[in-house]
Protein backbone atom coordinates (compact mmCIF):
# COMPACT_ATOMS: atom_id res chain seq x y z
CA MET A 1 124.24 93.87 98.82
CA LYS A 2 124.36 96.35 101.06
CA LYS A 3 123.90 94.71 104.87
CA THR A 4 123.74 97.32 107.76
CA PHE A 5 122.58 95.65 111.11
CA ASN A 6 121.68 97.87 114.13
CA SER A 7 120.59 96.56 117.83
CA CYS A 8 117.82 97.45 120.23
CA PHE A 9 116.99 95.93 123.37
CA ILE A 10 112.78 95.58 124.08
CA GLY A 11 111.63 95.16 127.67
CA LEU A 12 108.07 95.03 128.84
CA ILE A 13 107.06 98.57 129.65
CA ILE A 14 102.97 98.68 130.19
CA LEU A 15 102.20 102.29 128.43
CA SER A 16 98.92 103.58 126.90
CA SER A 17 100.64 104.42 123.64
CA CYS A 18 104.41 103.71 121.98
CA LYS A 19 106.96 105.81 123.20
CA LYS A 20 110.69 104.86 122.77
CA GLU A 21 112.66 105.35 125.92
CA THR A 22 116.69 105.12 126.26
CA ALA A 23 118.21 101.96 128.23
CA PRO A 24 121.38 100.88 128.85
CA PRO A 25 122.69 97.73 126.97
CA PRO A 26 123.22 94.25 128.62
CA ALA A 27 126.31 94.18 130.53
CA SER A 28 127.60 91.39 128.18
CA THR A 29 127.37 93.47 125.09
CA GLY A 30 129.71 96.18 124.10
CA SER A 31 126.92 96.94 121.10
CA PRO A 32 126.68 100.96 120.47
CA THR A 33 123.20 101.74 120.66
CA TYR A 34 120.26 100.16 122.49
CA VAL A 35 116.47 101.51 123.03
CA SER A 36 113.97 99.99 125.66
CA TYR A 37 110.96 99.75 123.23
CA PRO A 38 107.59 99.70 124.89
CA VAL A 39 105.51 96.93 123.79
CA VAL A 40 102.27 97.31 124.88
CA PRO A 41 99.87 94.59 126.40
CA LYS A 42 96.17 94.62 124.83
CA ALA A 43 93.16 92.82 125.71
CA ASN A 44 93.84 88.78 125.46
CA PHE A 45 92.74 87.48 122.15
CA GLY A 46 88.71 86.43 122.70
CA GLY A 47 89.32 82.80 121.58
CA ILE A 48 91.15 80.09 123.19
CA GLY A 49 95.08 80.24 122.89
CA ARG A 50 96.15 78.59 119.47
CA ALA A 51 98.52 78.80 116.81
CA LYS A 52 99.17 78.89 113.01
CA ALA A 53 96.32 80.99 112.69
CA VAL A 54 95.30 83.82 110.59
CA GLY A 55 95.13 87.66 110.71
CA PHE A 56 94.09 90.76 109.15
CA SER A 57 92.72 94.19 109.19
CA ILE A 58 89.82 96.08 108.02
CA GLY A 59 90.00 99.81 108.88
CA ILE A 60 90.22 100.19 112.49
CA LYS A 61 89.25 96.56 113.47
CA GLY A 62 91.77 93.27 113.33
CA TYR A 63 90.81 89.91 112.84
CA ILE A 64 92.20 86.48 113.88
CA GLY A 65 90.80 83.38 113.05
CA THR A 66 91.04 79.40 112.51
CA GLY A 67 94.54 77.54 113.70
CA THR A 68 94.84 75.16 116.15
CA SER A 69 95.26 74.62 120.05
CA ASN A 70 96.63 71.28 119.81
CA ASP A 71 98.90 70.95 116.45
CA THR A 72 96.15 68.42 115.76
CA ASN A 73 92.85 69.58 115.22
CA GLY A 74 91.94 72.48 113.31
CA LEU A 75 89.80 75.50 114.36
CA ASN A 76 87.10 77.57 112.57
CA ASP A 77 85.96 80.69 114.87
CA PHE A 78 86.74 84.12 113.77
CA TRP A 79 86.93 87.20 116.27
CA GLU A 80 87.04 91.02 115.73
CA TRP A 81 89.40 93.17 118.07
CA ASP A 82 88.34 96.53 118.28
CA GLN A 83 91.44 99.15 118.36
CA ALA A 84 89.12 102.14 120.16
CA ALA A 85 87.72 99.99 122.81
CA ASN A 86 89.86 97.44 123.51
CA THR A 87 87.67 94.58 122.86
CA TRP A 88 87.25 91.56 120.97
CA THR A 89 83.59 89.98 119.65
CA GLN A 90 83.12 86.82 118.24
CA MET A 91 81.73 86.78 114.21
CA ALA A 92 80.49 84.14 112.29
CA ASN A 93 82.55 81.09 111.93
CA PHE A 94 84.86 80.54 109.30
CA GLY A 95 82.88 79.27 106.19
CA GLY A 96 85.04 76.19 105.56
CA THR A 97 86.71 73.53 107.22
CA PRO A 98 87.89 74.24 110.38
CA ARG A 99 92.12 74.43 109.71
CA MET A 100 95.54 75.43 110.65
CA GLY A 101 98.54 77.08 108.32
CA ALA A 102 95.71 78.96 106.07
CA VAL A 103 96.31 82.47 104.49
CA GLY A 104 94.89 85.71 105.39
CA PHE A 105 94.34 88.70 103.99
CA SER A 106 92.21 91.46 103.26
CA ILE A 107 91.07 94.07 100.07
CA GLY A 108 88.85 96.92 100.89
CA THR A 109 85.98 95.70 103.41
CA LYS A 110 86.55 92.23 102.47
CA GLY A 111 88.74 89.52 104.35
CA TYR A 112 89.84 86.34 102.69
CA ILE A 113 91.07 82.97 104.03
CA GLY A 114 92.14 80.09 102.00
CA THR A 115 94.16 77.31 101.63
CA GLY A 116 95.65 75.04 104.90
CA TYR A 117 95.21 72.14 106.27
CA ASP A 118 92.66 69.63 107.84
CA GLY A 119 93.73 66.53 107.80
CA ALA A 120 94.05 67.13 103.96
CA ASN A 121 95.77 70.07 102.06
CA LYS A 122 93.23 72.84 100.92
CA LYS A 123 93.06 74.95 98.17
CA ASP A 124 89.22 76.43 98.89
CA PHE A 125 89.14 80.40 99.22
CA TRP A 126 86.73 82.16 100.91
CA GLU A 127 85.04 85.59 101.22
CA TRP A 128 84.12 87.36 104.47
CA ASP A 129 82.08 90.50 104.33
CA GLN A 130 82.30 93.18 107.34
CA ALA A 131 79.41 94.70 106.47
CA THR A 132 77.16 91.64 106.82
CA ASN A 133 79.23 89.36 108.61
CA THR A 134 78.55 86.34 105.85
CA TRP A 135 81.30 84.01 104.61
CA MET A 136 81.08 83.36 100.63
CA GLN A 137 83.13 80.91 98.79
CA LYS A 138 84.98 82.24 95.60
CA ALA A 139 87.23 80.59 93.21
CA ASN A 140 89.34 77.56 94.35
CA PHE A 141 92.87 78.99 94.74
CA GLY A 142 94.81 78.38 91.28
CA GLY A 143 97.83 75.94 92.45
CA THR A 144 97.56 72.87 94.02
CA ALA A 145 95.72 72.06 97.46
CA ARG A 146 98.18 72.87 100.33
CA ALA A 147 99.27 74.38 103.41
CA TYR A 148 101.72 77.08 105.26
CA ALA A 149 101.82 79.06 102.23
CA VAL A 150 102.30 82.96 101.96
CA GLY A 151 99.61 85.24 101.30
CA PHE A 152 99.22 89.11 100.58
CA SER A 153 97.26 91.53 99.16
CA ILE A 154 98.20 94.97 96.70
CA GLY A 155 95.38 97.15 95.84
CA THR A 156 92.54 94.95 94.09
CA LYS A 157 94.54 91.56 93.48
CA ALA A 158 95.52 88.88 96.32
CA TYR A 159 98.81 86.79 96.10
CA ILE A 160 99.63 83.10 97.28
CA GLY A 161 102.56 81.33 96.63
CA THR A 162 105.15 78.95 98.22
CA GLY A 163 103.61 76.12 100.89
CA ASP A 164 103.40 72.15 101.11
CA ASP A 165 101.50 69.98 99.37
CA GLY A 166 103.27 67.45 100.08
CA VAL A 167 106.67 68.74 98.39
CA TYR A 168 107.59 72.30 98.83
CA LYS A 169 106.29 74.85 96.50
CA ASN A 170 107.64 78.08 94.84
CA ASP A 171 104.61 79.33 92.56
CA PHE A 172 103.25 82.05 92.95
CA TRP A 173 99.24 83.27 91.73
CA GLU A 174 97.45 86.25 91.31
CA TRP A 175 93.42 86.37 92.05
CA ASP A 176 91.65 89.39 91.00
CA GLN A 177 88.57 90.49 92.93
CA ALA A 178 86.90 92.18 90.39
CA THR A 179 87.35 88.52 87.63
CA ASN A 180 87.42 86.32 90.64
CA VAL A 181 89.97 84.61 88.50
CA TRP A 182 93.68 82.99 89.60
CA ILE A 183 96.49 83.16 86.97
CA GLN A 184 99.93 82.29 87.70
CA LYS A 185 102.85 84.58 88.20
CA THR A 186 106.68 84.59 87.84
CA ASN A 187 107.48 82.03 90.00
CA PHE A 188 109.18 82.67 93.48
CA SER A 189 112.86 83.42 92.87
CA GLY A 190 114.21 81.83 96.27
CA THR A 191 113.93 77.67 96.99
CA ALA A 192 110.79 76.15 97.42
CA ARG A 193 109.72 76.44 100.84
CA ARG A 194 107.21 76.42 103.07
CA ALA A 195 106.35 78.23 106.64
CA ALA A 196 107.80 81.46 105.24
CA THR A 197 106.18 84.78 105.66
CA GLY A 198 105.15 87.73 103.77
CA PHE A 199 104.08 91.74 103.65
CA THR A 200 103.23 94.69 101.30
CA ILE A 201 104.80 97.84 101.20
CA ALA A 202 102.78 99.91 98.43
CA SER A 203 103.16 97.87 94.90
CA LYS A 204 105.79 95.75 96.59
CA GLY A 205 105.24 92.03 97.92
CA TYR A 206 108.12 90.48 99.65
CA ILE A 207 108.50 86.90 100.93
CA MET A 208 111.14 86.18 103.47
CA THR A 209 112.52 83.08 105.61
CA GLY A 210 110.84 79.75 105.88
CA GLN A 211 112.02 76.15 105.64
CA ASP A 212 113.21 74.30 102.70
CA TYR A 213 112.21 70.42 101.88
CA SER A 214 116.14 69.41 103.50
CA GLY A 215 114.48 70.91 106.95
CA ASN A 216 116.44 73.98 106.70
CA GLY A 217 115.46 77.82 107.55
CA SER A 218 115.97 80.77 105.64
CA SER A 219 117.23 84.21 106.32
CA GLU A 220 116.26 85.34 103.16
CA LEU A 221 114.27 88.15 101.81
CA TRP A 222 112.80 88.67 98.47
CA GLU A 223 110.84 91.21 97.01
CA TRP A 224 108.09 90.99 93.88
CA ASP A 225 107.17 94.04 92.07
CA GLN A 226 103.52 93.81 90.82
CA ASN A 227 104.22 96.22 87.69
CA SER A 228 107.26 94.02 86.27
CA ASP A 229 106.15 90.97 87.79
CA SER A 230 109.99 90.42 88.88
CA TRP A 231 111.87 89.25 91.96
CA VAL A 232 114.49 91.00 93.41
CA GLN A 233 116.76 89.45 96.50
CA LYS A 234 117.33 92.14 99.51
CA ALA A 235 119.43 92.14 102.28
CA SER A 236 119.12 88.94 104.31
CA LEU A 237 119.00 88.74 108.35
CA MET A 238 121.82 87.93 110.39
CA SER A 239 122.61 86.95 113.78
CA ILE A 240 123.07 89.48 116.27
CA GLY A 241 125.85 87.73 118.00
CA SER A 242 126.61 86.12 121.34
CA TRP A 243 125.71 88.57 123.72
CA ILE A 244 121.74 87.47 123.88
CA GLY A 245 122.42 84.08 122.10
CA PRO A 246 121.64 82.10 119.00
CA VAL A 247 118.93 84.65 117.62
CA GLY A 248 118.74 86.14 114.40
CA GLY A 249 119.21 84.32 111.17
CA SER A 250 117.45 81.85 109.59
CA LYS A 251 113.62 81.53 110.63
CA ILE A 252 110.81 79.13 110.07
CA GLY A 253 106.86 80.29 111.02
CA ALA A 254 107.67 83.66 111.86
CA LEU A 255 105.30 86.70 111.49
CA GLY A 256 105.51 89.30 108.80
CA LEU A 257 103.83 92.73 108.70
CA SER A 258 104.74 96.33 107.60
CA ILE A 259 104.06 99.75 108.87
CA GLY A 260 104.81 102.55 106.41
CA THR A 261 107.81 101.77 104.53
CA LYS A 262 109.56 99.05 107.05
CA GLY A 263 108.79 95.52 107.15
CA TYR A 264 108.76 93.71 110.55
CA ILE A 265 109.73 90.10 110.86
CA ILE A 266 108.90 88.61 114.56
CA GLY A 267 109.51 85.29 116.29
CA GLY A 268 110.40 82.17 113.84
CA ASN A 269 112.36 80.68 116.45
CA SER A 270 112.26 78.69 120.00
CA ILE A 271 114.41 80.42 121.70
CA TRP A 272 113.63 84.44 121.86
CA PRO A 273 110.32 86.13 120.30
CA LEU A 274 112.74 88.67 118.68
CA PHE A 275 111.18 92.11 116.42
CA GLU A 276 113.41 92.86 113.09
CA GLN A 277 112.78 95.80 111.33
CA TRP A 278 113.36 96.34 107.63
CA ASP A 279 114.24 100.08 106.02
CA GLN A 280 112.75 99.56 102.24
CA ALA A 281 114.48 102.80 101.72
CA THR A 282 118.12 101.88 102.70
CA ASP A 283 117.55 97.91 102.83
CA THR A 284 118.91 97.68 105.92
CA TRP A 285 118.00 95.75 109.23
CA SER A 286 117.69 96.82 112.66
CA ILE A 287 117.41 93.75 115.57
CA CYS A 288 115.26 94.04 118.94
CA ALA A 289 115.51 91.42 121.10
CA TYR A 290 112.36 91.31 123.52
CA ASN A 291 112.97 89.03 126.70
CA ASP A 292 109.65 87.74 127.68
CA PRO A 293 108.95 84.14 128.22
CA GLY A 294 105.51 84.44 127.58
CA LEU A 295 105.35 85.85 124.78
CA ALA A 296 105.25 83.66 121.40
CA THR A 297 108.16 82.86 119.57
CA ALA A 298 106.63 81.13 116.68
CA ARG A 299 103.45 80.87 114.19
CA MET A 300 101.69 84.28 115.74
CA ALA A 301 98.83 85.82 113.85
CA GLY A 302 99.06 89.65 113.52
CA PHE A 303 98.11 92.81 111.43
CA THR A 304 98.36 96.68 111.37
CA ILE A 305 96.06 99.30 112.14
CA GLY A 306 97.75 102.42 110.89
CA SER A 307 100.89 103.29 112.37
CA LYS A 308 100.59 100.50 114.95
CA GLY A 309 101.39 96.98 114.53
CA TYR A 310 99.51 94.35 116.44
CA LEU A 311 100.48 90.63 117.24
CA GLY A 312 99.30 87.55 119.39
CA THR A 313 98.63 84.17 119.47
CA GLY A 314 101.60 81.33 118.65
CA PHE A 315 103.55 78.96 120.27
CA THR A 316 105.66 79.81 123.38
CA THR A 317 108.94 78.91 124.44
CA GLY A 318 107.70 75.26 125.51
CA LEU A 319 105.49 74.89 122.49
CA ASN A 320 102.42 75.68 124.45
CA VAL A 321 99.77 78.18 122.77
CA THR A 322 99.21 81.17 123.82
CA ASP A 323 96.19 83.97 123.86
CA GLN A 324 98.36 86.89 124.49
CA PHE A 325 97.81 90.48 122.05
CA LEU A 326 100.50 92.95 121.95
CA GLU A 327 100.46 96.25 120.37
CA PHE A 328 103.77 97.64 118.85
CA CYS A 329 104.55 100.87 116.62
CA GLU A 330 107.90 101.40 114.39
CA VAL A 331 110.61 100.03 116.43
CA ILE A 332 113.58 102.01 115.46
CA GLN A 333 112.03 105.61 114.05
């Protein structure tokens, strides 16, 4: 597999829109190219600070809900962010029990939250209607009750896989919005894991990083083809070296997003809130360190609206929860 890595340094530049600016590299680097990339603060999340929440978008609205503020008790509140107004509005509480470690995604004008942990592992699956602000329970997830799985959607189909039901999992399931039926697909080809992350680009789904049953983190990226129901391993993450400390490489509890044909993994370690960008066309990674101790480093929620990515909540370096919420664009264009 071809592995090519570029580097950049992200500084907090308060702007109203995304714009790249060149900046000198840190003194200890000697690395070839750096950019100072603006991450734009937006209105703080409307609920209390939390981690292990879910996020998704519908049109120009983004949504974050569930999670935990103390890593013990789950939450069920659900919030809408308006991109045009930069305001948060509380919506109808999630229809299931308060929980953490669930999955969330959208199909058309409907949002979905399922699985998770409320003191026990869950397999219920719920649909939220943006037009009516109401929740309806759908067919239970087809696999075992679990938490810390990966979920995403492609077209009118939803997918949930991996996770933890007391044993770490590698099964992978498809839900059809039209029939409300789950069917099992080809198992995830990596090792069984929990706390992985995922994203989609066109008809391809991606699962990456996470923790195996021995407690080891992963740096792998795997691509699933909806048309052939097959998995192919792609370029793995790699540490960016000693110039900024022991970051990069394996991750647990990271956030995955996509913008266009680029995938992003953010955080997933307890040291630096690292942004890393994957180019689908070249199967290469670019790595950007963002030095802001107030930004969450793991268990964040996020979503994409158009050409912008958004991330918020999560654990900071001291394992405190935050309500911070930020916007970013393509890091390496």
